[in-house]
Each structure stands twice: as structure tokens, then as C-alpha cells.
Amino acid sequence: EYLTDDKLCAGFLDSGMSVCKGDSGGGL
């Protein structure tokens, strides 16, 4: 539901690596 038209996916699955709380607003 949150993968709207203006979003893209990035990252890893099941790796323990991710953006987290407090990283919002930063640039990719």
C-alpha cells in the first residue's frame, strides 16, 4: 500500500542492513 507511484525500493532483504528511524529526509 505504501509503494505509491512516486516511490522506489532500495536495500536488502534478510541482511540486517537498512535505513532506520532518524534517517528520514536524507538523500539517496
PDB file of all heavy atoms in Angstrom:
ATOM      1  N   GLU A   1       0.822  -1.210   0.000  1.00  0.00           N
ATOM      2  CA  GLU A   1       0.000   0.000   0.000  1.00  0.00           C
ATOM      3  C   GLU A   1       0.859   1.264   0.000  1.00  0.00           C
ATOM      4  O   GLU A   1       0.410   2.324  -0.447  1.00  0.00           O
ATOM      5  CB  GLU A   1      -0.924   0.011   1.218  1.00  0.00           C
ATOM      6  CG  GLU A   1      -1.982  -1.079   1.217  1.00  0.00           C
ATOM      7  CD  GLU A   1      -2.885  -0.984   2.426  1.00  0.00           C
ATOM      8  OE1 GLU A   1      -2.882   0.080   3.087  1.00  0.00           O
ATOM      9  OE2 GLU A   1      -3.594  -1.960   2.715  1.00  0.00           O
ATOM     10  N   TYR A   2       2.076   1.154   0.494  1.00  0.00           N
ATOM     11  CA  TYR A   2       2.952   2.321   0.615  1.00  0.00           C
ATOM     12  C   TYR A   2       3.880   2.481  -0.589  1.00  0.00           C
ATOM     13  O   TYR A   2       4.606   3.462  -0.681  1.00  0.00           O
ATOM     14  CB  TYR A   2       3.774   2.220   1.895  1.00  0.00           C
ATOM     15  CG  TYR A   2       2.923   2.275   3.137  1.00  0.00           C
ATOM     16  CD1 TYR A   2       2.387   1.115   3.691  1.00  0.00           C
ATOM     17  CD2 TYR A   2       2.627   3.498   3.739  1.00  0.00           C
ATOM     18  CE1 TYR A   2       1.584   1.166   4.823  1.00  0.00           C
ATOM     19  CE2 TYR A   2       1.828   3.560   4.864  1.00  0.00           C
ATOM     20  CZ  TYR A   2       1.305   2.396   5.400  1.00  0.00           C
ATOM     21  OH  TYR A   2       0.501   2.455   6.510  1.00  0.00           O
ATOM     22  N   LEU A   3       3.856   1.506  -1.496  1.00  0.00           N
ATOM     23  CA  LEU A   3       4.666   1.617  -2.705  1.00  0.00           C
ATOM     24  C   LEU A   3       3.864   2.394  -3.753  1.00  0.00           C
ATOM     25  O   LEU A   3       3.402   1.860  -4.762  1.00  0.00           O
ATOM     26  CB  LEU A   3       5.050   0.227  -3.235  1.00  0.00           C
ATOM     27  CG  LEU A   3       6.039   0.205  -4.408  1.00  0.00           C
ATOM     28  CD1 LEU A   3       7.358   0.868  -4.031  1.00  0.00           C
ATOM     29  CD2 LEU A   3       6.269  -1.219  -4.882  1.00  0.00           C
ATOM     30  N   THR A   4       3.695   3.683  -3.519  1.00  0.00           N
ATOM     31  CA  THR A   4       2.929   4.544  -4.414  1.00  0.00           C
ATOM     32  C   THR A   4       3.751   4.863  -5.663  1.00  0.00           C
ATOM     33  O   THR A   4       4.945   4.551  -5.744  1.00  0.00           O
ATOM     34  CB  THR A   4       2.524   5.834  -3.695  1.00  0.00           C
ATOM     35  OG1 THR A   4       3.696   6.438  -3.118  1.00  0.00           O
ATOM     36  CG2 THR A   4       1.536   5.533  -2.570  1.00  0.00           C
ATOM     37  N   ASP A   5       3.111   5.495  -6.640  1.00  0.00           N
ATOM     38  CA  ASP A   5       3.771   5.753  -7.924  1.00  0.00           C
ATOM     39  C   ASP A   5       5.034   6.599  -7.801  1.00  0.00           C
ATOM     40  O   ASP A   5       5.902   6.541  -8.676  1.00  0.00           O
ATOM     41  CB  ASP A   5       2.798   6.450  -8.877  1.00  0.00           C
ATOM     42  CG  ASP A   5       1.701   5.527  -9.363  1.00  0.00           C
ATOM     43  OD1 ASP A   5       1.871   4.301  -9.226  1.00  0.00           O
ATOM     44  OD2 ASP A   5       0.680   6.031  -9.869  1.00  0.00           O
ATOM     45  N   ASP A   6       5.127   7.400  -6.751  1.00  0.00           N
ATOM     46  CA  ASP A   6       6.289   8.280  -6.602  1.00  0.00           C
ATOM     47  C   ASP A   6       7.387   7.667  -5.737  1.00  0.00           C
ATOM     48  O   ASP A   6       8.323   8.359  -5.350  1.00  0.00           O
ATOM     49  CB  ASP A   6       5.863   9.632  -6.026  1.00  0.00           C
ATOM     50  CG  ASP A   6       5.377   9.533  -4.593  1.00  0.00           C
ATOM     51  OD1 ASP A   6       4.964   8.437  -4.169  1.00  0.00           O
ATOM     52  OD2 ASP A   6       5.408  10.561  -3.881  1.00  0.00           O
ATOM     53  N   LYS A   7       7.297   6.381  -5.444  1.00  0.00           N
ATOM     54  CA  LYS A   7       8.286   5.720  -4.590  1.00  0.00           C
ATOM     55  C   LYS A   7       9.127   4.735  -5.385  1.00  0.00           C
ATOM     56  O   LYS A   7       8.700   4.184  -6.402  1.00  0.00           O
ATOM     57  CB  LYS A   7       7.591   4.967  -3.453  1.00  0.00           C
ATOM     58  CG  LYS A   7       6.808   5.836  -2.486  1.00  0.00           C
ATOM     59  CD  LYS A   7       7.702   6.757  -1.675  1.00  0.00           C
ATOM     60  CE  LYS A   7       6.927   7.451  -0.568  1.00  0.00           C
ATOM     61  NZ  LYS A   7       5.883   8.360  -1.084  1.00  0.00           N
ATOM     62  N   LEU A   8      10.332   4.487  -4.883  1.00  0.00           N
ATOM     63  CA  LEU A   8      11.154   3.401  -5.386  1.00  0.00           C
ATOM     64  C   LEU A   8      11.675   2.588  -4.214  1.00  0.00           C
ATOM     65  O   LEU A   8      11.717   3.065  -3.068  1.00  0.00           O
ATOM     66  CB  LEU A   8      12.298   3.907  -6.269  1.00  0.00           C
ATOM     67  CG  LEU A   8      13.351   4.868  -5.706  1.00  0.00           C
ATOM     68  CD1 LEU A   8      14.423   4.139  -4.907  1.00  0.00           C
ATOM     69  CD2 LEU A   8      14.010   5.632  -6.848  1.00  0.00           C
ATOM     70  N   CYS A   9      12.044   1.367  -4.502  1.00  0.00           N
ATOM     71  CA  CYS A   9      12.587   0.443  -3.497  1.00  0.00           C
ATOM     72  C   CYS A   9      14.112   0.473  -3.554  1.00  0.00           C
ATOM     73  O   CYS A   9      14.695   0.558  -4.635  1.00  0.00           O
ATOM     74  CB  CYS A   9      12.148  -0.982  -3.803  1.00  0.00           C
ATOM     75  SG  CYS A   9      10.602  -1.469  -3.039  1.00  0.00           S
ATOM     76  N   ALA A  10      14.719   0.349  -2.410  1.00  0.00           N
ATOM     77  CA  ALA A  10      16.168   0.186  -2.355  1.00  0.00           C
ATOM     78  C   ALA A  10      16.513  -0.555  -1.078  1.00  0.00           C
ATOM     79  O   ALA A  10      15.805  -0.458  -0.073  1.00  0.00           O
ATOM     80  CB  ALA A  10      16.879   1.536  -2.400  1.00  0.00           C
ATOM     81  N   GLY A  11      17.608  -1.310  -1.111  1.00  0.00           N
ATOM     82  CA  GLY A  11      18.045  -2.001   0.098  1.00  0.00           C
ATOM     83  C   GLY A  11      18.233  -3.483  -0.111  1.00  0.00           C
ATOM     84  O   GLY A  11      18.408  -3.971  -1.228  1.00  0.00           O
ATOM     85  N   PHE A  12      18.184  -4.222   1.001  1.00  0.00           N
ATOM     86  CA  PHE A  12      18.428  -5.654   1.007  1.00  0.00           C
ATOM     87  C   PHE A  12      17.308  -6.362   1.763  1.00  0.00           C
ATOM     88  O   PHE A  12      16.644  -5.768   2.612  1.00  0.00           O
ATOM     89  CB  PHE A  12      19.757  -5.969   1.706  1.00  0.00           C
ATOM     90  CG  PHE A  12      20.948  -5.245   1.126  1.00  0.00           C
ATOM     91  CD1 PHE A  12      21.323  -3.999   1.608  1.00  0.00           C
ATOM     92  CD2 PHE A  12      21.695  -5.820   0.115  1.00  0.00           C
ATOM     93  CE1 PHE A  12      22.418  -3.334   1.094  1.00  0.00           C
ATOM     94  CE2 PHE A  12      22.788  -5.156  -0.407  1.00  0.00           C
ATOM     95  CZ  PHE A  12      23.161  -3.909   0.080  1.00  0.00           C
ATOM     96  N   LEU A  13      17.126  -7.639   1.475  1.00  0.00           N
ATOM     97  CA  LEU A  13      16.207  -8.474   2.242  1.00  0.00           C
ATOM     98  C   LEU A  13      17.008  -9.402   3.148  1.00  0.00           C
ATOM     99  O   LEU A  13      18.031  -9.961   2.738  1.00  0.00           O
ATOM    100  CB  LEU A  13      15.331  -9.316   1.310  1.00  0.00           C
ATOM    101  CG  LEU A  13      14.207  -8.593   0.564  1.00  0.00           C
ATOM    102  CD1 LEU A  13      13.455  -9.592  -0.297  1.00  0.00           C
ATOM    103  CD2 LEU A  13      13.261  -7.909   1.529  1.00  0.00           C
ATOM    104  N   ASP A  14      16.542  -9.545   4.389  1.00  0.00           N
ATOM    105  CA  ASP A  14      17.119 -10.520   5.332  1.00  0.00           C
ATOM    106  C   ASP A  14      18.630 -10.359   5.470  1.00  0.00           C
ATOM    107  O   ASP A  14      19.376 -11.331   5.476  1.00  0.00           O
ATOM    108  CB  ASP A  14      16.784 -11.955   4.879  1.00  0.00           C
ATOM    109  CG  ASP A  14      15.293 -12.162   4.712  1.00  0.00           C
ATOM    110  OD1 ASP A  14      14.531 -11.621   5.536  1.00  0.00           O
ATOM    111  OD2 ASP A  14      14.888 -12.858   3.759  1.00  0.00           O
ATOM    112  N   SER A  15      19.071  -9.120   5.588  1.00  0.00           N
ATOM    113  CA  SER A  15      20.514  -8.890   5.682  1.00  0.00           C
ATOM    114  C   SER A  15      20.909  -8.135   6.937  1.00  0.00           C
ATOM    115  O   SER A  15      22.083  -8.056   7.276  1.00  0.00           O
ATOM    116  CB  SER A  15      20.986  -8.085   4.468  1.00  0.00           C
ATOM    117  OG  SER A  15      20.436  -6.786   4.530  1.00  0.00           O
ATOM    118  N   GLY A  16      19.917  -7.511   7.614  1.00  0.00           N
ATOM    119  CA  GLY A  16      20.227  -6.697   8.780  1.00  0.00           C
ATOM    120  C   GLY A  16      20.773  -5.331   8.433  1.00  0.00           C
ATOM    121  O   GLY A  16      21.304  -4.633   9.289  1.00  0.00           O
ATOM    122  N   MET A  17      20.627  -4.932   7.174  1.00  0.00           N
ATOM    123  CA  MET A  17      21.105  -3.617   6.745  1.00  0.00           C
ATOM    124  C   MET A  17      19.926  -2.802   6.252  1.00  0.00           C
ATOM    125  O   MET A  17      19.181  -3.243   5.378  1.00  0.00           O
ATOM    126  CB  MET A  17      22.154  -3.747   5.632  1.00  0.00           C
ATOM    127  CG  MET A  17      23.413  -4.459   6.073  1.00  0.00           C
ATOM    128  SD  MET A  17      24.705  -4.466   4.805  1.00  0.00           S
ATOM    129  CE  MET A  17      24.010  -5.605   3.619  1.00  0.00           C
ATOM    130  N   SER A  18      19.761  -1.584   6.781  1.00  0.00           N
ATOM    131  CA  SER A  18      18.595  -0.789   6.415  1.00  0.00           C
ATOM    132  C   SER A  18      18.747   0.643   6.898  1.00  0.00           C
ATOM    133  O   SER A  18      19.493   0.922   7.830  1.00  0.00           O
ATOM    134  CB  SER A  18      17.338  -1.401   7.044  1.00  0.00           C
ATOM    135  OG  SER A  18      16.209  -0.589   6.830  1.00  0.00           O
ATOM    136  N   VAL A  19      17.981   1.546   6.233  1.00  0.00           N
ATOM    137  CA  VAL A  19      17.770   2.846   6.851  1.00  0.00           C
ATOM    138  C   VAL A  19      16.855   2.627   8.044  1.00  0.00           C
ATOM    139  O   VAL A  19      16.123   1.643   8.122  1.00  0.00           O
ATOM    140  CB  VAL A  19      17.115   3.838   5.859  1.00  0.00           C
ATOM    141  CG1 VAL A  19      18.097   4.212   4.780  1.00  0.00           C
ATOM    142  CG2 VAL A  19      15.838   3.269   5.271  1.00  0.00           C
ATOM    143  N   CYS A  20      16.902   3.542   9.015  1.00  0.00           N
ATOM    144  CA  CYS A  20      16.131   3.332  10.233  1.00  0.00           C
ATOM    145  C   CYS A  20      15.605   4.668  10.742  1.00  0.00           C
ATOM    146  O   CYS A  20      15.833   5.726  10.129  1.00  0.00           O
ATOM    147  CB  CYS A  20      17.009   2.650  11.285  1.00  0.00           C
ATOM    148  SG  CYS A  20      16.080   1.783  12.579  1.00  0.00           S
ATOM    149  N   LYS A  21      14.891   4.628  11.850  1.00  0.00           N
ATOM    150  CA  LYS A  21      14.295   5.824  12.410  1.00  0.00           C
ATOM    151  C   LYS A  21      15.360   6.903  12.616  1.00  0.00           C
ATOM    152  O   LYS A  21      16.411   6.661  13.184  1.00  0.00           O
ATOM    153  CB  LYS A  21      13.641   5.486  13.754  1.00  0.00           C
ATOM    154  CG  LYS A  21      12.894   6.659  14.385  1.00  0.00           C
ATOM    155  CD  LYS A  21      12.236   6.238  15.676  1.00  0.00           C
ATOM    156  CE  LYS A  21      11.509   7.419  16.317  1.00  0.00           C
ATOM    157  NZ  LYS A  21      10.870   7.048  17.599  1.00  0.00           N
ATOM    158  N   GLY A  22      15.081   8.098  12.141  1.00  0.00           N
ATOM    159  CA  GLY A  22      16.033   9.202  12.230  1.00  0.00           C
ATOM    160  C   GLY A  22      16.762   9.479  10.939  1.00  0.00           C
ATOM    161  O   GLY A  22      17.378  10.534  10.778  1.00  0.00           O
ATOM    162  N   ASP A  23      16.692   8.524   9.986  1.00  0.00           N
ATOM    163  CA  ASP A  23      17.334   8.731   8.684  1.00  0.00           C
ATOM    164  C   ASP A  23      16.409   9.421   7.689  1.00  0.00           C
ATOM    165  O   ASP A  23      16.843   9.814   6.603  1.00  0.00           O
ATOM    166  CB  ASP A  23      17.782   7.388   8.094  1.00  0.00           C
ATOM    167  CG  ASP A  23      18.883   6.739   8.905  1.00  0.00           C
ATOM    168  OD1 ASP A  23      19.789   7.472   9.344  1.00  0.00           O
ATOM    169  OD2 ASP A  23      18.830   5.522   9.113  1.00  0.00           O
ATOM    170  N   SER A  24      15.122   9.546   8.044  1.00  0.00           N
ATOM    171  CA  SER A  24      14.141  10.161   7.147  1.00  0.00           C
ATOM    172  C   SER A  24      14.611  11.515   6.632  1.00  0.00           C
ATOM    173  O   SER A  24      15.235  12.290   7.360  1.00  0.00           O
ATOM    174  CB  SER A  24      12.810  10.348   7.873  1.00  0.00           C
ATOM    175  OG  SER A  24      12.206   9.120   8.151  1.00  0.00           O
ATOM    176  N   GLY A  25      14.283  11.799   5.382  1.00  0.00           N
ATOM    177  CA  GLY A  25      14.635  13.090   4.799  1.00  0.00           C
ATOM    178  C   GLY A  25      16.003  13.125   4.150  1.00  0.00           C
ATOM    179  O   GLY A  25      16.296  14.020   3.355  1.00  0.00           O
ATOM    180  N   GLY A  26      16.855  12.169   4.485  1.00  0.00           N
ATOM    181  CA  GLY A  26      18.180  12.118   3.874  1.00  0.00           C
ATOM    182  C   GLY A  26      18.089  11.777   2.402  1.00  0.00           C
ATOM    183  O   GLY A  26      17.105  11.217   1.927  1.00  0.00           O
ATOM    184  N   GLY A  27      19.125  12.088   1.661  1.00  0.00           N
ATOM    185  CA  GLY A  27      19.107  11.839   0.228  1.00  0.00           C
ATOM    186  C   GLY A  27      19.658  10.480  -0.132  1.00  0.00           C
ATOM    187  O   GLY A  27      20.573   9.963   0.515  1.00  0.00           O
ATOM    188  N   LEU A  28      19.075   9.868  -1.159  1.00  0.00           N
ATOM    189  CA  LEU A  28      19.656   8.709  -1.810  1.00  0.00           C
ATOM    190  C   LEU A  28      20.383   9.237  -3.035  1.00  0.00           C
ATOM    191  O   LEU A  28      19.758   9.854  -3.913  1.00  0.00           O
ATOM    192  CB  LEU A  28      18.578   7.705  -2.214  1.00  0.00           C
ATOM    193  CG  LEU A  28      19.085   6.425  -2.893  1.00  0.00           C
ATOM    194  CD1 LEU A  28      19.771   5.529  -1.875  1.00  0.00           C
ATOM    195  CD2 LEU A  28      17.943   5.679  -3.564  1.00  0.00           C
TER     196      LEU A  28
END
